[in-house]
Amino acid sequence: MIRHHRSVPPAERTLGQRGAVLVELGFVAILLATLVAGAVDFGLGWRTTFAVTEGARTGARVGSAQGNIVGADFALLSGMRSALSSSGLLADVNRVVIYRSDSATGGIPSSCRTTTAATISDPCNILTGDQFRALPATNTTGTTSATGCITNSQTKSWCPTTRNNVQITAEYIGIWVQVTYKYKFKLVGSTQTIERTAVMRLEPTEG
């Protein structure tokens, strides 16, 4: 039996090859777009982490230098707000905690990270993101209490004037900041929580 094979015209072969190339190009384009989007989000998240770290360090440096004066917390929070605002992160702050640390590497008490109570036994002052953003540009009457705590903060259990900044026995001041980073492309989720801590020893102040 003689079988006849239909030859494919050159025009049809060209169209088929073009179609296959377009399909392959589509797959490659999707893969490249995914890689680029992931790299962008990773880079922005990494930059955000550094900015949050710098915000915490700014607060700790100012708080350390201010020692136990009444305006210490307002000054350190103002410095933090300026640092985070310049990085475009002010709107993403969830929580700021000022706490007493037992050492240069002391972490934040667990209750200070999560409590919603107005009173707490651990030595820390807590501000929600809204309270942090609501701070005025200057320390006007009513912004701080007589002992230096921010009046509208969630908790006030370690006010500036109660801190020990005597050279030999000085306490350590810790700053903990929590920020929500929003992914731009949402390939691995919509948000990431970034938390950073900075601790420094209180410096003696005059008067």
N, C-alpha and C. Protein backbone atom coordinates (compact mmCIF):
# COMPACT_ATOMS: atom_id res chain seq x y z
N MET A 1 0.86 -1.18 0.00
CA MET A 1 0.00 0.00 0.00
C MET A 1 0.90 1.23 0.00
N ILE A 2 0.58 2.10 -0.87
CA ILE A 2 1.36 3.33 -0.97
C ILE A 2 0.68 4.41 -0.14
N ARG A 3 1.44 4.97 0.81
CA ARG A 3 0.92 6.05 1.64
C ARG A 3 1.43 7.39 1.13
N HIS A 4 0.50 8.30 1.12
CA HIS A 4 0.86 9.63 0.65
C HIS A 4 0.99 10.57 1.84
N HIS A 5 2.09 11.25 1.98
CA HIS A 5 2.34 12.20 3.06
C HIS A 5 2.11 13.61 2.55
N ARG A 6 1.29 14.33 3.28
CA ARG A 6 1.00 15.71 2.88
C ARG A 6 2.17 16.60 3.32
N SER A 7 2.73 17.27 2.39
CA SER A 7 3.83 18.19 2.72
C SER A 7 3.26 19.49 3.25
N VAL A 8 3.92 20.01 4.27
CA VAL A 8 3.48 21.26 4.88
C VAL A 8 4.07 22.43 4.13
N PRO A 9 3.23 23.29 3.64
CA PRO A 9 3.74 24.45 2.90
C PRO A 9 4.64 25.30 3.79
N PRO A 10 5.63 25.94 3.22
CA PRO A 10 6.54 26.80 4.01
C PRO A 10 5.81 27.86 4.81
N ALA A 11 4.74 28.42 4.25
CA ALA A 11 4.00 29.47 4.96
C ALA A 11 3.41 28.93 6.25
N GLU A 12 2.85 27.70 6.22
CA GLU A 12 2.26 27.10 7.42
C GLU A 12 3.33 26.78 8.45
N ARG A 13 4.49 26.30 7.97
CA ARG A 13 5.57 26.01 8.91
C ARG A 13 6.01 27.29 9.62
N THR A 14 6.09 28.38 8.88
CA THR A 14 6.52 29.65 9.46
C THR A 14 5.54 30.14 10.52
N LEU A 15 4.24 30.02 10.23
CA LEU A 15 3.23 30.44 11.19
C LEU A 15 3.29 29.61 12.48
N GLY A 16 3.49 28.29 12.31
CA GLY A 16 3.58 27.43 13.49
C GLY A 16 4.78 27.74 14.34
N GLN A 17 5.89 28.03 13.70
CA GLN A 17 7.10 28.36 14.44
C GLN A 17 6.94 29.69 15.19
N ARG A 18 6.29 30.64 14.51
CA ARG A 18 6.06 31.92 15.16
C ARG A 18 5.16 31.77 16.38
N GLY A 19 4.15 30.93 16.24
CA GLY A 19 3.25 30.71 17.38
C GLY A 19 3.98 30.10 18.56
N ALA A 20 4.85 29.12 18.28
CA ALA A 20 5.61 28.49 19.35
C ALA A 20 6.55 29.48 20.02
N VAL A 21 7.15 30.34 19.22
CA VAL A 21 8.06 31.36 19.76
C VAL A 21 7.30 32.32 20.66
N LEU A 22 6.10 32.71 20.24
CA LEU A 22 5.31 33.64 21.05
C LEU A 22 4.91 33.02 22.39
N VAL A 23 4.56 31.73 22.36
CA VAL A 23 4.22 31.05 23.61
C VAL A 23 5.43 30.99 24.54
N GLU A 24 6.57 30.63 24.00
CA GLU A 24 7.79 30.57 24.81
C GLU A 24 8.16 31.95 25.34
N LEU A 25 8.00 32.97 24.50
CA LEU A 25 8.31 34.33 24.93
C LEU A 25 7.39 34.76 26.07
N GLY A 26 6.12 34.34 25.99
CA GLY A 26 5.18 34.68 27.05
C GLY A 26 5.61 34.08 28.39
N PHE A 27 6.02 32.81 28.36
CA PHE A 27 6.48 32.16 29.60
C PHE A 27 7.72 32.85 30.17
N VAL A 28 8.65 33.18 29.28
CA VAL A 28 9.89 33.83 29.71
C VAL A 28 9.58 35.22 30.29
N ALA A 29 8.67 35.94 29.63
CA ALA A 29 8.32 37.29 30.10
C ALA A 29 7.69 37.24 31.49
N ILE A 30 6.81 36.26 31.71
CA ILE A 30 6.18 36.11 33.03
C ILE A 30 7.22 35.81 34.10
N LEU A 31 8.16 34.92 33.77
CA LEU A 31 9.22 34.56 34.72
C LEU A 31 10.09 35.77 35.03
N LEU A 32 10.48 36.52 33.99
CA LEU A 32 11.32 37.69 34.21
C LEU A 32 10.59 38.76 35.02
N ALA A 33 9.31 38.97 34.72
CA ALA A 33 8.53 39.96 35.46
C ALA A 33 8.42 39.57 36.93
N THR A 34 8.24 38.28 37.19
CA THR A 34 8.16 37.79 38.57
C THR A 34 9.47 38.03 39.31
N LEU A 35 10.59 37.72 38.64
CA LEU A 35 11.90 37.92 39.25
C LEU A 35 12.17 39.39 39.53
N VAL A 36 11.81 40.25 38.59
CA VAL A 36 12.03 41.68 38.76
C VAL A 36 11.18 42.22 39.91
N ALA A 37 9.90 41.81 39.93
CA ALA A 37 9.01 42.27 41.00
C ALA A 37 9.50 41.82 42.36
N GLY A 38 9.95 40.55 42.44
CA GLY A 38 10.48 40.04 43.70
C GLY A 38 11.72 40.79 44.14
N ALA A 39 12.58 41.10 43.17
CA ALA A 39 13.82 41.83 43.50
C ALA A 39 13.50 43.25 43.99
N VAL A 40 12.51 43.88 43.37
CA VAL A 40 12.12 45.23 43.79
C VAL A 40 11.59 45.22 45.22
N ASP A 41 10.67 44.29 45.50
CA ASP A 41 10.11 44.21 46.85
C ASP A 41 11.17 43.86 47.88
N PHE A 42 12.07 42.95 47.52
CA PHE A 42 13.15 42.58 48.45
C PHE A 42 14.02 43.79 48.74
N GLY A 43 14.38 44.54 47.70
CA GLY A 43 15.23 45.71 47.89
C GLY A 43 14.56 46.80 48.72
N LEU A 44 13.28 47.05 48.45
CA LEU A 44 12.56 48.06 49.21
C LEU A 44 12.36 47.63 50.67
N GLY A 45 12.10 46.33 50.86
CA GLY A 45 11.97 45.82 52.22
C GLY A 45 13.27 45.93 52.99
N TRP A 46 14.37 45.66 52.32
CA TRP A 46 15.70 45.77 52.94
C TRP A 46 15.98 47.22 53.32
N ARG A 47 15.64 48.13 52.43
CA ARG A 47 15.85 49.55 52.72
C ARG A 47 14.97 50.00 53.89
N THR A 48 13.75 49.49 53.93
CA THR A 48 12.84 49.83 55.04
C THR A 48 13.41 49.35 56.36
N THR A 49 13.99 48.16 56.37
CA THR A 49 14.60 47.61 57.58
C THR A 49 15.69 48.53 58.10
N PHE A 50 16.55 49.00 57.21
CA PHE A 50 17.61 49.92 57.62
C PHE A 50 17.04 51.22 58.16
N ALA A 51 15.98 51.72 57.53
CA ALA A 51 15.37 52.98 57.97
C ALA A 51 14.75 52.84 59.35
N VAL A 52 14.10 51.71 59.62
CA VAL A 52 13.50 51.46 60.93
C VAL A 52 14.60 51.33 61.98
N THR A 53 15.67 50.65 61.64
CA THR A 53 16.81 50.52 62.56
C THR A 53 17.37 51.89 62.91
N GLU A 54 17.51 52.75 61.90
CA GLU A 54 18.04 54.09 62.13
C GLU A 54 17.08 54.91 63.00
N GLY A 55 15.77 54.72 62.80
CA GLY A 55 14.80 55.42 63.64
C GLY A 55 14.93 55.03 65.10
N ALA A 56 15.07 53.72 65.35
CA ALA A 56 15.24 53.24 66.73
C ALA A 56 16.54 53.76 67.34
N ARG A 57 17.60 53.74 66.58
CA ARG A 57 18.90 54.23 67.08
C ARG A 57 18.86 55.72 67.37
N THR A 58 18.15 56.46 66.52
CA THR A 58 18.01 57.90 66.77
C THR A 58 17.33 58.15 68.11
N GLY A 59 16.23 57.41 68.35
CA GLY A 59 15.53 57.57 69.62
C GLY A 59 16.40 57.21 70.81
N ALA A 60 17.15 56.12 70.70
CA ALA A 60 18.01 55.70 71.80
C ALA A 60 19.13 56.70 72.06
N ARG A 61 19.71 57.24 70.99
CA ARG A 61 20.79 58.23 71.16
C ARG A 61 20.28 59.48 71.86
N VAL A 62 19.13 59.98 71.41
CA VAL A 62 18.58 61.20 72.02
C VAL A 62 18.16 60.92 73.46
N GLY A 63 17.50 59.79 73.68
CA GLY A 63 17.07 59.44 75.03
C GLY A 63 18.23 59.28 75.98
N SER A 64 19.32 58.71 75.50
CA SER A 64 20.52 58.53 76.31
C SER A 64 21.11 59.89 76.70
N ALA A 65 21.19 60.78 75.73
CA ALA A 65 21.77 62.09 75.99
C ALA A 65 20.89 62.95 76.90
N GLN A 66 19.57 62.76 76.81
CA GLN A 66 18.64 63.56 77.61
C GLN A 66 18.59 63.10 79.07
N GLY A 67 18.99 61.87 79.33
CA GLY A 67 19.03 61.37 80.71
C GLY A 67 17.67 61.36 81.38
N ASN A 68 17.58 62.07 82.52
CA ASN A 68 16.33 62.04 83.30
C ASN A 68 15.61 63.39 83.32
N ILE A 69 15.83 64.21 82.31
CA ILE A 69 15.14 65.49 82.29
C ILE A 69 13.70 65.31 81.82
N VAL A 70 12.85 66.25 82.14
CA VAL A 70 11.42 66.13 81.87
C VAL A 70 11.13 65.93 80.39
N GLY A 71 11.83 66.61 79.53
CA GLY A 71 11.53 66.55 78.09
C GLY A 71 12.20 65.43 77.34
N ALA A 72 12.77 64.45 78.04
CA ALA A 72 13.54 63.39 77.38
C ALA A 72 12.72 62.60 76.37
N ASP A 73 11.55 62.13 76.79
CA ASP A 73 10.74 61.30 75.89
C ASP A 73 10.24 62.09 74.69
N PHE A 74 9.85 63.32 74.92
CA PHE A 74 9.38 64.12 73.79
C PHE A 74 10.51 64.34 72.79
N ALA A 75 11.70 64.61 73.29
CA ALA A 75 12.85 64.85 72.41
C ALA A 75 13.20 63.60 71.60
N LEU A 76 13.23 62.45 72.26
CA LEU A 76 13.62 61.23 71.53
C LEU A 76 12.55 60.82 70.53
N LEU A 77 11.28 61.00 70.88
CA LEU A 77 10.20 60.66 69.95
C LEU A 77 10.18 61.61 68.76
N SER A 78 10.50 62.87 69.00
CA SER A 78 10.58 63.84 67.91
C SER A 78 11.70 63.48 66.94
N GLY A 79 12.84 63.06 67.49
CA GLY A 79 13.95 62.63 66.64
C GLY A 79 13.60 61.41 65.82
N MET A 80 12.91 60.46 66.45
CA MET A 80 12.48 59.26 65.74
C MET A 80 11.50 59.60 64.62
N ARG A 81 10.55 60.46 64.95
CA ARG A 81 9.54 60.82 63.96
C ARG A 81 10.16 61.50 62.75
N SER A 82 11.14 62.35 63.00
CA SER A 82 11.84 63.02 61.90
C SER A 82 12.57 62.00 61.02
N ALA A 83 13.24 61.03 61.65
CA ALA A 83 13.99 60.03 60.90
C ALA A 83 13.06 59.14 60.08
N LEU A 84 11.96 58.70 60.68
CA LEU A 84 11.03 57.82 59.97
C LEU A 84 10.25 58.57 58.90
N SER A 85 9.95 59.83 59.17
CA SER A 85 9.23 60.64 58.19
C SER A 85 10.08 60.87 56.95
N SER A 86 11.37 61.12 57.14
CA SER A 86 12.26 61.36 56.00
C SER A 86 12.41 60.12 55.13
N SER A 87 12.12 58.95 55.70
CA SER A 87 12.18 57.70 54.93
C SER A 87 10.81 57.30 54.40
N GLY A 88 9.81 58.13 54.63
CA GLY A 88 8.47 57.83 54.14
C GLY A 88 7.76 56.75 54.91
N LEU A 89 8.16 56.51 56.18
CA LEU A 89 7.61 55.40 56.96
C LEU A 89 6.69 55.83 58.09
N LEU A 90 6.50 57.12 58.27
CA LEU A 90 5.74 57.59 59.42
C LEU A 90 4.33 57.00 59.45
N ALA A 91 3.69 56.92 58.31
CA ALA A 91 2.32 56.41 58.24
C ALA A 91 2.23 54.91 58.52
N ASP A 92 3.37 54.21 58.44
CA ASP A 92 3.37 52.75 58.59
C ASP A 92 3.75 52.28 59.99
N VAL A 93 4.01 53.22 60.91
CA VAL A 93 4.39 52.86 62.28
C VAL A 93 3.17 52.31 63.03
N ASN A 94 3.33 51.14 63.65
CA ASN A 94 2.26 50.52 64.44
C ASN A 94 2.39 50.80 65.93
N ARG A 95 3.65 50.80 66.41
CA ARG A 95 3.85 50.85 67.85
C ARG A 95 5.27 51.31 68.16
N VAL A 96 5.40 52.13 69.18
CA VAL A 96 6.71 52.58 69.66
C VAL A 96 6.75 52.36 71.17
N VAL A 97 7.81 51.74 71.65
CA VAL A 97 7.94 51.45 73.08
C VAL A 97 9.27 51.98 73.59
N ILE A 98 9.20 52.74 74.68
CA ILE A 98 10.40 53.19 75.41
C ILE A 98 10.45 52.34 76.68
N TYR A 99 11.53 51.62 76.90
CA TYR A 99 11.56 50.71 78.05
C TYR A 99 12.91 50.74 78.76
N ARG A 100 12.88 50.32 80.02
CA ARG A 100 14.12 50.21 80.80
C ARG A 100 14.74 48.85 80.54
N SER A 101 16.02 48.87 80.21
CA SER A 101 16.75 47.63 79.94
C SER A 101 17.76 47.38 81.04
N ASP A 102 18.02 46.11 81.31
CA ASP A 102 18.99 45.74 82.34
C ASP A 102 20.42 45.70 81.82
N SER A 103 20.57 45.74 80.50
CA SER A 103 21.91 45.67 79.91
C SER A 103 21.89 46.29 78.52
N ALA A 104 23.06 46.38 77.92
CA ALA A 104 23.18 46.96 76.59
C ALA A 104 22.54 46.10 75.51
N THR A 105 22.26 44.85 75.84
CA THR A 105 21.64 43.94 74.86
C THR A 105 20.25 43.50 75.31
N GLY A 106 19.70 44.17 76.31
CA GLY A 106 18.41 43.75 76.84
C GLY A 106 17.26 43.97 75.87
N GLY A 107 16.41 42.96 75.74
CA GLY A 107 15.26 43.05 74.84
C GLY A 107 14.04 43.65 75.52
N ILE A 108 13.06 43.98 74.74
CA ILE A 108 11.83 44.55 75.24
C ILE A 108 11.03 43.50 76.02
N PRO A 109 10.46 43.84 77.17
CA PRO A 109 9.57 42.90 77.88
C PRO A 109 8.43 42.47 76.98
N SER A 110 8.09 41.20 77.01
CA SER A 110 7.07 40.68 76.08
C SER A 110 5.73 41.39 76.22
N SER A 111 5.36 41.74 77.44
CA SER A 111 4.07 42.39 77.64
C SER A 111 4.03 43.77 76.98
N CYS A 112 5.18 44.44 76.92
CA CYS A 112 5.23 45.78 76.32
C CYS A 112 5.03 45.72 74.81
N ARG A 113 5.30 44.58 74.21
CA ARG A 113 5.13 44.42 72.76
C ARG A 113 3.67 44.31 72.37
N THR A 114 2.86 43.71 73.24
CA THR A 114 1.52 43.33 72.80
C THR A 114 0.36 43.89 73.61
N THR A 115 0.60 44.36 74.84
CA THR A 115 -0.51 44.74 75.69
C THR A 115 -1.33 45.89 75.10
N THR A 116 -2.61 45.87 75.38
CA THR A 116 -3.49 46.98 75.02
C THR A 116 -3.99 47.69 76.27
N ALA A 117 -3.45 47.30 77.42
CA ALA A 117 -3.88 47.89 78.69
C ALA A 117 -3.29 49.28 78.87
N ALA A 118 -3.95 50.07 79.70
CA ALA A 118 -3.46 51.42 80.00
C ALA A 118 -2.46 51.41 81.14
N THR A 119 -2.45 50.33 81.92
CA THR A 119 -1.52 50.20 83.04
C THR A 119 -0.76 48.90 82.89
N ILE A 120 0.54 48.95 83.17
CA ILE A 120 1.38 47.76 83.03
C ILE A 120 2.46 47.78 84.10
N SER A 121 2.85 46.61 84.59
CA SER A 121 3.86 46.55 85.66
C SER A 121 5.28 46.68 85.12
N ASP A 122 5.50 46.26 83.89
CA ASP A 122 6.84 46.37 83.31
C ASP A 122 7.19 47.83 83.05
N PRO A 123 8.47 48.19 83.21
CA PRO A 123 8.89 49.59 83.03
C PRO A 123 8.97 50.00 81.57
N CYS A 124 7.85 50.43 81.02
CA CYS A 124 7.87 50.86 79.62
C CYS A 124 6.75 51.86 79.35
N ASN A 125 7.00 52.71 78.40
CA ASN A 125 6.01 53.67 77.92
C ASN A 125 5.65 53.29 76.49
N ILE A 126 4.37 53.11 76.23
CA ILE A 126 3.92 52.61 74.93
C ILE A 126 3.10 53.67 74.21
N LEU A 127 3.39 53.84 72.93
CA LEU A 127 2.59 54.70 72.07
C LEU A 127 2.13 53.89 70.86
N THR A 128 0.86 53.98 70.54
CA THR A 128 0.38 53.38 69.30
C THR A 128 0.89 54.24 68.14
N GLY A 129 0.72 53.71 66.94
CA GLY A 129 1.15 54.49 65.78
C GLY A 129 0.43 55.83 65.70
N ASP A 130 -0.88 55.83 65.97
CA ASP A 130 -1.65 57.08 65.92
C ASP A 130 -1.17 58.07 66.98
N GLN A 131 -0.87 57.58 68.18
CA GLN A 131 -0.38 58.46 69.25
C GLN A 131 0.98 59.03 68.89
N PHE A 132 1.81 58.22 68.29
CA PHE A 132 3.14 58.67 67.86
C PHE A 132 3.03 59.77 66.80
N ARG A 133 2.15 59.56 65.83
CA ARG A 133 1.98 60.54 64.76
C ARG A 133 1.30 61.82 65.25
N ALA A 134 0.54 61.72 66.34
CA ALA A 134 -0.21 62.88 66.84
C ALA A 134 0.63 63.84 67.67
N LEU A 135 1.88 63.49 67.95
CA LEU A 135 2.73 64.37 68.74
C LEU A 135 2.90 65.72 68.03
N PRO A 136 2.77 66.82 68.78
CA PRO A 136 2.94 68.14 68.16
C PRO A 136 4.40 68.41 67.82
N ALA A 137 4.62 69.44 67.03
CA ALA A 137 5.98 69.78 66.62
C ALA A 137 6.81 70.31 67.78
N THR A 138 6.14 70.94 68.75
CA THR A 138 6.84 71.46 69.92
C THR A 138 6.17 70.94 71.19
N ASN A 139 6.95 70.89 72.26
CA ASN A 139 6.45 70.36 73.53
C ASN A 139 5.61 71.42 74.24
N THR A 140 4.38 71.54 73.82
CA THR A 140 3.50 72.55 74.38
C THR A 140 2.87 72.07 75.68
N THR A 141 2.20 72.96 76.38
CA THR A 141 1.55 72.62 77.65
C THR A 141 0.56 71.48 77.46
N GLY A 142 0.68 70.47 78.28
CA GLY A 142 -0.22 69.32 78.21
C GLY A 142 0.31 68.16 77.40
N THR A 143 1.38 68.38 76.64
CA THR A 143 1.95 67.29 75.85
C THR A 143 2.60 66.25 76.74
N THR A 144 3.31 66.71 77.78
CA THR A 144 3.96 65.81 78.72
C THR A 144 3.46 66.07 80.13
N SER A 145 3.58 65.05 80.98
CA SER A 145 3.19 65.18 82.38
C SER A 145 4.32 65.84 83.17
N ALA A 146 4.09 66.06 84.44
CA ALA A 146 5.11 66.68 85.29
C ALA A 146 6.35 65.80 85.40
N THR A 147 6.18 64.50 85.20
CA THR A 147 7.32 63.58 85.28
C THR A 147 7.90 63.26 83.91
N GLY A 148 7.37 63.89 82.87
CA GLY A 148 7.96 63.74 81.53
C GLY A 148 7.34 62.74 80.60
N CYS A 149 6.37 61.95 81.07
CA CYS A 149 5.74 60.98 80.18
C CYS A 149 4.80 61.69 79.20
N ILE A 150 4.66 61.16 78.01
CA ILE A 150 3.76 61.72 77.01
C ILE A 150 2.32 61.50 77.49
N THR A 151 1.57 62.58 77.58
CA THR A 151 0.24 62.52 78.19
C THR A 151 -0.70 61.56 77.48
N ASN A 152 -0.68 61.55 76.15
CA ASN A 152 -1.65 60.72 75.42
C ASN A 152 -1.14 59.32 75.08
N SER A 153 -0.01 58.90 75.69
CA SER A 153 0.51 57.56 75.41
C SER A 153 -0.37 56.49 76.04
N GLN A 154 -0.28 55.29 75.51
CA GLN A 154 -1.11 54.18 76.00
C GLN A 154 -0.76 53.83 77.44
N THR A 155 0.52 53.66 77.71
CA THR A 155 0.97 53.37 79.08
C THR A 155 2.09 54.32 79.46
N LYS A 156 2.22 54.57 80.77
CA LYS A 156 3.24 55.49 81.28
C LYS A 156 3.80 54.91 82.57
N SER A 157 4.68 53.91 82.45
CA SER A 157 5.19 53.26 83.65
C SER A 157 6.70 53.44 83.86
N TRP A 158 7.34 54.28 83.04
CA TRP A 158 8.77 54.55 83.23
C TRP A 158 9.06 55.97 82.76
N CYS A 159 8.57 56.94 83.49
CA CYS A 159 8.69 58.35 83.10
C CYS A 159 10.12 58.85 83.25
N PRO A 160 10.52 59.82 82.45
CA PRO A 160 11.91 60.29 82.43
C PRO A 160 12.49 60.69 83.78
N THR A 161 11.74 61.43 84.60
CA THR A 161 12.31 61.92 85.85
C THR A 161 12.54 60.82 86.89
N THR A 162 12.02 59.61 86.64
CA THR A 162 12.24 58.48 87.56
C THR A 162 13.46 57.65 87.17
N ARG A 163 14.11 58.00 86.09
CA ARG A 163 15.23 57.20 85.57
C ARG A 163 16.52 57.51 86.31
N ASN A 164 17.33 56.48 86.44
CA ASN A 164 18.62 56.60 87.12
C ASN A 164 19.72 56.80 86.08
N ASN A 165 20.31 57.99 86.07
CA ASN A 165 21.41 58.25 85.14
C ASN A 165 22.70 58.61 85.87
N VAL A 166 22.81 58.12 87.11
CA VAL A 166 24.06 58.29 87.84
C VAL A 166 25.14 57.46 87.16
N GLN A 167 26.31 58.03 86.99
CA GLN A 167 27.36 57.43 86.17
C GLN A 167 27.61 55.95 86.47
N ILE A 168 27.76 55.60 87.72
CA ILE A 168 28.15 54.22 88.07
C ILE A 168 26.99 53.24 87.93
N THR A 169 25.79 53.69 88.28
CA THR A 169 24.64 52.76 88.31
C THR A 169 23.58 53.09 87.26
N ALA A 170 23.94 53.86 86.25
CA ALA A 170 22.95 54.32 85.26
C ALA A 170 22.21 53.17 84.59
N GLU A 171 20.93 53.41 84.34
CA GLU A 171 20.09 52.44 83.65
C GLU A 171 20.29 52.54 82.14
N TYR A 172 19.75 51.57 81.43
CA TYR A 172 19.80 51.57 79.98
C TYR A 172 18.41 51.89 79.44
N ILE A 173 18.37 52.69 78.39
CA ILE A 173 17.10 53.01 77.75
C ILE A 173 16.99 52.23 76.44
N GLY A 174 15.87 51.57 76.28
CA GLY A 174 15.64 50.79 75.06
C GLY A 174 14.50 51.40 74.25
N ILE A 175 14.65 51.34 72.93
CA ILE A 175 13.62 51.81 72.01
C ILE A 175 13.26 50.64 71.09
N TRP A 176 11.96 50.37 71.00
CA TRP A 176 11.47 49.30 70.12
C TRP A 176 10.43 49.89 69.18
N VAL A 177 10.60 49.64 67.90
CA VAL A 177 9.70 50.19 66.89
C VAL A 177 9.15 49.06 66.02
N GLN A 178 7.86 49.13 65.74
CA GLN A 178 7.23 48.15 64.85
C GLN A 178 6.59 48.90 63.68
N VAL A 179 6.94 48.46 62.47
CA VAL A 179 6.45 49.10 61.25
C VAL A 179 5.90 48.03 60.31
N THR A 180 4.86 48.35 59.58
CA THR A 180 4.32 47.44 58.57
C THR A 180 4.78 47.88 57.19
N TYR A 181 5.53 47.01 56.52
CA TYR A 181 5.95 47.29 55.14
C TYR A 181 4.94 46.67 54.19
N LYS A 182 4.44 47.46 53.25
CA LYS A 182 3.45 46.98 52.28
C LYS A 182 4.16 46.61 50.98
N TYR A 183 4.02 45.33 50.59
CA TYR A 183 4.64 44.89 49.34
C TYR A 183 4.03 45.63 48.15
N LYS A 184 4.85 45.96 47.19
CA LYS A 184 4.37 46.67 46.00
C LYS A 184 3.71 45.73 45.01
N PHE A 185 4.21 44.50 44.93
CA PHE A 185 3.70 43.56 43.92
C PHE A 185 2.94 42.38 44.53
N LYS A 186 3.04 42.18 45.83
CA LYS A 186 2.25 41.18 46.55
C LYS A 186 2.42 39.75 46.00
N LEU A 187 3.65 39.42 45.62
CA LEU A 187 3.90 38.07 45.13
C LEU A 187 3.99 37.05 46.26
N VAL A 188 4.47 37.50 47.43
CA VAL A 188 4.63 36.59 48.58
C VAL A 188 3.75 37.02 49.75
N GLY A 189 2.79 37.86 49.49
CA GLY A 189 1.92 38.37 50.55
C GLY A 189 1.68 39.85 50.35
N SER A 190 0.90 40.43 51.24
CA SER A 190 0.58 41.85 51.08
C SER A 190 1.42 42.75 51.99
N THR A 191 1.81 42.24 53.17
CA THR A 191 2.57 43.05 54.12
C THR A 191 3.63 42.22 54.85
N GLN A 192 4.56 42.93 55.43
CA GLN A 192 5.59 42.30 56.29
C GLN A 192 5.79 43.20 57.51
N THR A 193 5.81 42.61 58.69
CA THR A 193 6.04 43.37 59.91
C THR A 193 7.53 43.44 60.21
N ILE A 194 8.03 44.66 60.40
CA ILE A 194 9.45 44.88 60.68
C ILE A 194 9.57 45.47 62.08
N GLU A 195 10.38 44.84 62.93
CA GLU A 195 10.58 45.29 64.31
C GLU A 195 12.07 45.48 64.56
N ARG A 196 12.43 46.61 65.15
CA ARG A 196 13.83 46.86 65.45
C ARG A 196 13.98 47.47 66.84
N THR A 197 15.12 47.16 67.50
CA THR A 197 15.39 47.61 68.86
C THR A 197 16.76 48.27 68.93
N ALA A 198 16.87 49.29 69.75
CA ALA A 198 18.16 49.93 70.02
C ALA A 198 18.23 50.23 71.52
N VAL A 199 19.38 49.96 72.14
CA VAL A 199 19.56 50.17 73.58
C VAL A 199 20.84 50.96 73.82
N MET A 200 20.76 51.96 74.69
CA MET A 200 21.94 52.74 75.07
C MET A 200 21.86 53.11 76.56
N ARG A 201 23.03 53.34 77.14
CA ARG A 201 23.08 53.72 78.55
C ARG A 201 22.75 55.17 78.75
N LEU A 202 22.01 55.47 79.79
CA LEU A 202 21.66 56.85 80.10
C LEU A 202 22.91 57.64 80.49
N GLU A 203 23.05 58.82 79.92
CA GLU A 203 24.17 59.67 80.22
C GLU A 203 23.81 60.65 81.34
N PRO A 204 24.76 60.98 82.20
CA PRO A 204 24.48 61.95 83.25
C PRO A 204 24.16 63.31 82.64
N THR A 205 23.21 64.02 83.21
CA THR A 205 22.87 65.36 82.75
C THR A 205 23.10 66.37 83.86
N GLU A 206 23.36 67.60 83.47
CA GLU A 206 23.62 68.64 84.47
C GLU A 206 22.33 69.16 85.07
N GLY A 207 22.41 69.55 86.32
CA GLY A 207 21.29 70.22 86.98
C GLY A 207 20.24 69.31 87.47
